[in-house]
Amino acid sequence: MGGKLNNYEIAALLTPDLSERDVQKFIRELKGLLEKHGATEIGQEKVERRPLAYQVKKHTEGYYIFIDFTAPATAPQDIRNEFRHREELLRLAFIRKPLPQTKPEPEPAEEPAPEVENG
């Protein structure tokens, strides 16, 4: 489970016929699975019920769930394998996000050497 950590956003699309309680249950299970596979810095989820651009498994709308997290490179495939057969899950995507850029600290400017007067 070790290895290099990457930043990800998970995007899950759930069927629209779920109750609010079922959506929250799915989120709890998903966050538990993230932790199981080494995810850290799990962000607050964003949930939206929206119409779909096209039909997905005979549905024209659904619940979108977005969660940011940091995890080993193997985590997305492991999570996908465990969640693949969930009936309420229409789509599942992992978006790899760039690591935050850290600016190198500027080196202190060298002070000019004191001038030596030749007498």
N, C-alpha and C. Protein backbone atom coordinates (compact mmCIF):
# COMPACT_ATOMS: atom_id res chain seq x y z
N MET A 1 0.81 -1.20 0.00
CA MET A 1 0.00 0.00 0.00
C MET A 1 0.85 1.25 0.00
N GLY A 2 2.14 1.11 0.17
CA GLY A 2 3.01 2.27 0.22
C GLY A 2 3.20 2.86 -1.15
N GLY A 3 4.28 3.59 -1.30
CA GLY A 3 4.58 4.17 -2.59
C GLY A 3 4.29 5.65 -2.62
N LYS A 4 4.44 6.18 -3.82
CA LYS A 4 4.26 7.61 -4.03
C LYS A 4 2.78 7.99 -3.85
N LEU A 5 2.57 9.12 -3.19
CA LEU A 5 1.21 9.61 -3.00
C LEU A 5 0.86 10.61 -4.10
N ASN A 6 -0.38 10.55 -4.55
CA ASN A 6 -0.89 11.47 -5.56
C ASN A 6 -2.16 12.12 -5.04
N ASN A 7 -2.47 13.29 -5.58
CA ASN A 7 -3.73 13.96 -5.27
C ASN A 7 -4.76 13.53 -6.31
N TYR A 8 -5.96 13.23 -5.84
CA TYR A 8 -7.04 12.79 -6.72
C TYR A 8 -8.34 13.50 -6.36
N GLU A 9 -9.25 13.49 -7.32
CA GLU A 9 -10.64 13.81 -7.06
C GLU A 9 -11.43 12.62 -7.57
N ILE A 10 -12.33 12.12 -6.74
CA ILE A 10 -13.20 11.04 -7.18
C ILE A 10 -14.53 11.69 -7.58
N ALA A 11 -15.06 11.24 -8.70
CA ALA A 11 -16.36 11.70 -9.17
C ALA A 11 -17.25 10.47 -9.32
N ALA A 12 -18.30 10.42 -8.52
CA ALA A 12 -19.23 9.29 -8.57
C ALA A 12 -20.59 9.81 -9.03
N LEU A 13 -21.24 9.05 -9.87
CA LEU A 13 -22.58 9.38 -10.33
C LEU A 13 -23.52 8.28 -9.85
N LEU A 14 -24.51 8.68 -9.04
CA LEU A 14 -25.46 7.72 -8.46
C LEU A 14 -26.83 7.88 -9.09
N THR A 15 -27.63 6.82 -9.01
CA THR A 15 -28.99 6.87 -9.55
C THR A 15 -29.82 7.92 -8.81
N PRO A 16 -30.78 8.54 -9.50
CA PRO A 16 -31.56 9.61 -8.89
C PRO A 16 -32.63 9.13 -7.92
N ASP A 17 -32.93 7.84 -7.90
CA ASP A 17 -34.01 7.34 -7.06
C ASP A 17 -33.58 7.05 -5.62
N LEU A 18 -32.36 7.42 -5.25
CA LEU A 18 -31.90 7.21 -3.87
C LEU A 18 -32.44 8.29 -2.95
N SER A 19 -32.65 7.92 -1.70
CA SER A 19 -33.04 8.92 -0.70
C SER A 19 -31.78 9.64 -0.23
N GLU A 20 -31.97 10.76 0.44
CA GLU A 20 -30.84 11.51 0.99
C GLU A 20 -30.05 10.62 1.95
N ARG A 21 -30.76 9.81 2.70
CA ARG A 21 -30.10 8.89 3.66
C ARG A 21 -29.23 7.87 2.92
N ASP A 22 -29.73 7.35 1.79
CA ASP A 22 -28.95 6.39 1.00
C ASP A 22 -27.70 7.03 0.40
N VAL A 23 -27.83 8.28 -0.04
CA VAL A 23 -26.67 9.00 -0.59
C VAL A 23 -25.62 9.18 0.49
N GLN A 24 -26.04 9.59 1.69
CA GLN A 24 -25.09 9.78 2.79
C GLN A 24 -24.44 8.45 3.19
N LYS A 25 -25.20 7.37 3.14
CA LYS A 25 -24.65 6.04 3.45
C LYS A 25 -23.57 5.67 2.43
N PHE A 26 -23.84 5.93 1.15
CA PHE A 26 -22.86 5.65 0.10
C PHE A 26 -21.58 6.46 0.35
N ILE A 27 -21.73 7.72 0.71
CA ILE A 27 -20.56 8.58 0.96
C ILE A 27 -19.74 8.04 2.13
N ARG A 28 -20.42 7.62 3.21
CA ARG A 28 -19.69 7.05 4.36
C ARG A 28 -18.92 5.80 3.94
N GLU A 29 -19.56 4.94 3.16
CA GLU A 29 -18.90 3.71 2.71
C GLU A 29 -17.72 4.03 1.78
N LEU A 30 -17.90 5.02 0.92
CA LEU A 30 -16.83 5.41 0.01
C LEU A 30 -15.64 5.97 0.78
N LYS A 31 -15.91 6.83 1.76
CA LYS A 31 -14.82 7.39 2.57
C LYS A 31 -14.11 6.29 3.37
N GLY A 32 -14.87 5.32 3.87
CA GLY A 32 -14.26 4.19 4.56
C GLY A 32 -13.35 3.39 3.64
N LEU A 33 -13.78 3.21 2.40
CA LEU A 33 -12.97 2.49 1.42
C LEU A 33 -11.72 3.29 1.06
N LEU A 34 -11.86 4.60 0.97
CA LEU A 34 -10.68 5.45 0.71
C LEU A 34 -9.65 5.26 1.81
N GLU A 35 -10.10 5.31 3.07
CA GLU A 35 -9.19 5.13 4.20
C GLU A 35 -8.56 3.74 4.18
N LYS A 36 -9.36 2.73 3.85
CA LYS A 36 -8.86 1.35 3.81
C LYS A 36 -7.70 1.22 2.82
N HIS A 37 -7.75 1.98 1.75
CA HIS A 37 -6.72 1.88 0.71
C HIS A 37 -5.66 2.98 0.84
N GLY A 38 -5.51 3.52 2.04
CA GLY A 38 -4.40 4.42 2.33
C GLY A 38 -4.62 5.88 2.02
N ALA A 39 -5.85 6.30 1.76
CA ALA A 39 -6.10 7.70 1.46
C ALA A 39 -5.95 8.55 2.71
N THR A 40 -5.40 9.72 2.52
CA THR A 40 -5.28 10.70 3.59
C THR A 40 -5.83 12.02 3.07
N GLU A 41 -5.91 12.97 3.95
CA GLU A 41 -6.39 14.31 3.57
C GLU A 41 -7.68 14.23 2.76
N ILE A 42 -8.63 13.44 3.26
CA ILE A 42 -9.91 13.29 2.57
C ILE A 42 -10.73 14.55 2.79
N GLY A 43 -11.08 15.21 1.70
CA GLY A 43 -11.80 16.48 1.78
C GLY A 43 -13.29 16.30 2.01
N GLN A 44 -13.95 17.41 2.20
CA GLN A 44 -15.40 17.43 2.36
C GLN A 44 -16.05 17.12 1.02
N GLU A 45 -17.06 16.27 1.03
CA GLU A 45 -17.71 15.90 -0.22
C GLU A 45 -18.62 17.02 -0.72
N LYS A 46 -18.78 17.07 -2.03
CA LYS A 46 -19.75 17.96 -2.67
C LYS A 46 -20.78 17.06 -3.33
N VAL A 47 -22.06 17.30 -3.04
CA VAL A 47 -23.13 16.47 -3.60
C VAL A 47 -24.09 17.38 -4.36
N GLU A 48 -24.41 16.99 -5.60
CA GLU A 48 -25.35 17.76 -6.42
C GLU A 48 -26.25 16.79 -7.17
N ARG A 49 -27.53 17.08 -7.19
CA ARG A 49 -28.44 16.32 -8.06
C ARG A 49 -28.65 17.16 -9.31
N ARG A 50 -28.27 16.59 -10.47
CA ARG A 50 -28.32 17.36 -11.71
C ARG A 50 -28.81 16.50 -12.86
N PRO A 51 -29.33 17.15 -13.89
CA PRO A 51 -29.69 16.41 -15.10
C PRO A 51 -28.41 15.96 -15.81
N LEU A 52 -28.49 14.84 -16.50
CA LEU A 52 -27.35 14.31 -17.24
C LEU A 52 -27.37 14.84 -18.67
N ALA A 53 -26.21 14.96 -19.27
CA ALA A 53 -26.12 15.42 -20.65
C ALA A 53 -26.70 14.38 -21.61
N TYR A 54 -26.66 13.13 -21.22
CA TYR A 54 -27.21 12.04 -22.02
C TYR A 54 -27.64 10.93 -21.07
N GLN A 55 -28.48 10.03 -21.55
CA GLN A 55 -28.98 8.94 -20.70
C GLN A 55 -27.85 8.00 -20.31
N VAL A 56 -27.85 7.62 -19.04
CA VAL A 56 -26.90 6.64 -18.53
C VAL A 56 -27.72 5.55 -17.84
N LYS A 57 -27.68 4.35 -18.39
CA LYS A 57 -28.44 3.22 -17.85
C LYS A 57 -29.90 3.60 -17.61
N LYS A 58 -30.50 4.25 -18.61
CA LYS A 58 -31.91 4.65 -18.63
C LYS A 58 -32.25 5.78 -17.65
N HIS A 59 -31.25 6.48 -17.12
CA HIS A 59 -31.50 7.61 -16.22
C HIS A 59 -31.13 8.91 -16.93
N THR A 60 -31.93 9.96 -16.65
CA THR A 60 -31.67 11.27 -17.25
C THR A 60 -31.16 12.28 -16.23
N GLU A 61 -31.09 11.89 -14.96
CA GLU A 61 -30.49 12.72 -13.93
C GLU A 61 -29.86 11.82 -12.88
N GLY A 62 -29.07 12.42 -12.00
CA GLY A 62 -28.40 11.62 -10.99
C GLY A 62 -27.72 12.49 -9.95
N TYR A 63 -27.22 11.85 -8.93
CA TYR A 63 -26.45 12.53 -7.88
C TYR A 63 -24.97 12.47 -8.24
N TYR A 64 -24.35 13.64 -8.31
CA TYR A 64 -22.91 13.71 -8.51
C TYR A 64 -22.26 13.88 -7.14
N ILE A 65 -21.22 13.12 -6.88
CA ILE A 65 -20.47 13.23 -5.63
C ILE A 65 -19.01 13.44 -5.99
N PHE A 66 -18.41 14.48 -5.41
CA PHE A 66 -17.00 14.79 -5.65
C PHE A 66 -16.27 14.83 -4.32
N ILE A 67 -15.13 14.14 -4.23
CA ILE A 67 -14.32 14.14 -3.00
C ILE A 67 -12.85 14.21 -3.40
N ASP A 68 -12.12 15.15 -2.82
CA ASP A 68 -10.66 15.25 -3.01
C ASP A 68 -9.97 14.40 -1.96
N PHE A 69 -8.85 13.78 -2.34
CA PHE A 69 -8.08 12.99 -1.38
C PHE A 69 -6.67 12.77 -1.91
N THR A 70 -5.80 12.32 -1.03
CA THR A 70 -4.43 11.96 -1.37
C THR A 70 -4.27 10.48 -1.07
N ALA A 71 -3.69 9.73 -2.02
CA ALA A 71 -3.58 8.28 -1.83
C ALA A 71 -2.45 7.72 -2.69
N PRO A 72 -2.04 6.49 -2.36
CA PRO A 72 -1.05 5.82 -3.21
C PRO A 72 -1.61 5.61 -4.62
N ALA A 73 -0.72 5.46 -5.58
CA ALA A 73 -1.11 5.32 -6.98
C ALA A 73 -1.99 4.10 -7.24
N THR A 74 -1.92 3.10 -6.38
CA THR A 74 -2.71 1.88 -6.59
C THR A 74 -4.15 2.01 -6.09
N ALA A 75 -4.43 3.01 -5.28
CA ALA A 75 -5.75 3.14 -4.64
C ALA A 75 -6.92 3.25 -5.62
N PRO A 76 -6.85 4.08 -6.66
CA PRO A 76 -8.01 4.19 -7.55
C PRO A 76 -8.47 2.86 -8.14
N GLN A 77 -7.54 2.05 -8.61
CA GLN A 77 -7.94 0.77 -9.20
C GLN A 77 -8.50 -0.17 -8.14
N ASP A 78 -7.91 -0.18 -6.95
CA ASP A 78 -8.42 -1.03 -5.87
C ASP A 78 -9.84 -0.63 -5.48
N ILE A 79 -10.09 0.66 -5.39
CA ILE A 79 -11.42 1.16 -5.02
C ILE A 79 -12.42 0.83 -6.13
N ARG A 80 -12.01 1.05 -7.37
CA ARG A 80 -12.89 0.74 -8.50
C ARG A 80 -13.28 -0.74 -8.50
N ASN A 81 -12.32 -1.62 -8.21
CA ASN A 81 -12.61 -3.05 -8.19
C ASN A 81 -13.63 -3.41 -7.11
N GLU A 82 -13.58 -2.73 -5.97
CA GLU A 82 -14.51 -3.04 -4.88
C GLU A 82 -15.90 -2.44 -5.09
N PHE A 83 -15.99 -1.31 -5.81
CA PHE A 83 -17.27 -0.62 -5.98
C PHE A 83 -17.93 -0.92 -7.32
N ARG A 84 -17.27 -1.62 -8.18
CA ARG A 84 -17.70 -1.81 -9.57
C ARG A 84 -19.13 -2.33 -9.72
N HIS A 85 -19.58 -3.20 -8.86
CA HIS A 85 -20.87 -3.87 -9.05
C HIS A 85 -22.01 -3.27 -8.22
N ARG A 86 -21.83 -2.09 -7.69
CA ARG A 86 -22.88 -1.45 -6.91
C ARG A 86 -24.00 -0.98 -7.85
N GLU A 87 -25.24 -1.38 -7.53
CA GLU A 87 -26.37 -1.04 -8.40
C GLU A 87 -26.63 0.46 -8.48
N GLU A 88 -26.43 1.16 -7.36
CA GLU A 88 -26.74 2.59 -7.34
C GLU A 88 -25.67 3.43 -8.04
N LEU A 89 -24.55 2.83 -8.39
CA LEU A 89 -23.43 3.55 -9.01
C LEU A 89 -23.54 3.48 -10.53
N LEU A 90 -23.74 4.65 -11.15
CA LEU A 90 -23.83 4.70 -12.61
C LEU A 90 -22.45 4.87 -13.24
N ARG A 91 -21.62 5.72 -12.66
CA ARG A 91 -20.27 5.98 -13.17
C ARG A 91 -19.35 6.28 -12.00
N LEU A 92 -18.06 5.98 -12.20
CA LEU A 92 -17.05 6.27 -11.19
C LEU A 92 -15.78 6.68 -11.93
N ALA A 93 -15.26 7.85 -11.60
CA ALA A 93 -14.04 8.34 -12.26
C ALA A 93 -13.08 8.89 -11.22
N PHE A 94 -11.81 8.72 -11.49
CA PHE A 94 -10.75 9.28 -10.65
C PHE A 94 -9.97 10.27 -11.50
N ILE A 95 -9.85 11.48 -11.01
CA ILE A 95 -9.10 12.52 -11.71
C ILE A 95 -7.84 12.79 -10.92
N ARG A 96 -6.69 12.58 -11.55
CA ARG A 96 -5.43 12.86 -10.87
C ARG A 96 -5.17 14.35 -10.96
N LYS A 97 -4.95 14.96 -9.82
CA LYS A 97 -4.75 16.40 -9.76
C LYS A 97 -3.27 16.69 -9.55
N PRO A 98 -2.79 17.79 -10.07
CA PRO A 98 -1.38 18.11 -9.88
C PRO A 98 -1.08 18.40 -8.41
N LEU A 99 0.12 18.05 -8.01
CA LEU A 99 0.55 18.36 -6.65
C LEU A 99 0.71 19.87 -6.55
N PRO A 100 0.45 20.44 -5.38
CA PRO A 100 0.61 21.88 -5.23
C PRO A 100 2.05 22.29 -5.53
N GLN A 101 2.17 23.37 -6.26
CA GLN A 101 3.50 23.87 -6.59
C GLN A 101 4.09 24.58 -5.39
N THR A 102 5.29 24.22 -5.04
CA THR A 102 5.97 24.92 -3.96
C THR A 102 7.05 25.76 -4.59
N LYS A 103 7.03 27.02 -4.27
CA LYS A 103 8.02 27.93 -4.83
C LYS A 103 9.31 27.78 -4.04
N PRO A 104 10.42 27.62 -4.74
CA PRO A 104 11.68 27.55 -4.00
C PRO A 104 11.96 28.90 -3.36
N GLU A 105 12.47 28.84 -2.16
CA GLU A 105 12.78 30.09 -1.48
C GLU A 105 13.97 30.73 -2.17
N PRO A 106 13.88 32.05 -2.42
CA PRO A 106 15.00 32.71 -3.08
C PRO A 106 16.22 32.71 -2.18
N GLU A 107 17.35 32.51 -2.82
CA GLU A 107 18.58 32.53 -2.04
C GLU A 107 18.85 33.97 -1.64
N PRO A 108 19.38 34.14 -0.43
CA PRO A 108 19.65 35.51 -0.01
C PRO A 108 20.69 36.14 -0.93
N ALA A 109 20.44 37.38 -1.26
CA ALA A 109 21.37 38.08 -2.14
C ALA A 109 22.69 38.28 -1.41
N GLU A 110 23.74 38.09 -2.16
CA GLU A 110 25.05 38.29 -1.54
C GLU A 110 25.28 39.77 -1.34
N GLU A 111 25.79 40.08 -0.18
CA GLU A 111 26.12 41.47 0.07
C GLU A 111 27.42 41.78 -0.66
N PRO A 112 27.51 42.97 -1.22
CA PRO A 112 28.75 43.30 -1.91
C PRO A 112 29.91 43.33 -0.92
N ALA A 113 31.04 42.87 -1.38
CA ALA A 113 32.22 42.87 -0.51
C ALA A 113 32.59 44.31 -0.20
N PRO A 114 33.02 44.55 1.02
CA PRO A 114 33.41 45.93 1.35
C PRO A 114 34.58 46.36 0.48
N GLU A 115 34.49 47.59 0.07
CA GLU A 115 35.57 48.10 -0.78
C GLU A 115 36.80 48.35 0.06
N VAL A 116 37.93 47.99 -0.48
CA VAL A 116 39.19 48.20 0.22
C VAL A 116 39.88 49.38 -0.43
N GLU A 117 40.20 50.33 0.40
CA GLU A 117 40.88 51.50 -0.15
C GLU A 117 42.38 51.27 -0.14
N ASN A 118 42.98 51.54 -1.24
CA ASN A 118 44.44 51.46 -1.30
C ASN A 118 44.98 52.86 -1.03
N GLY A 119 45.81 52.91 -0.09
CA GLY A 119 46.27 54.18 0.35
C GLY A 119 47.46 54.72 -0.15
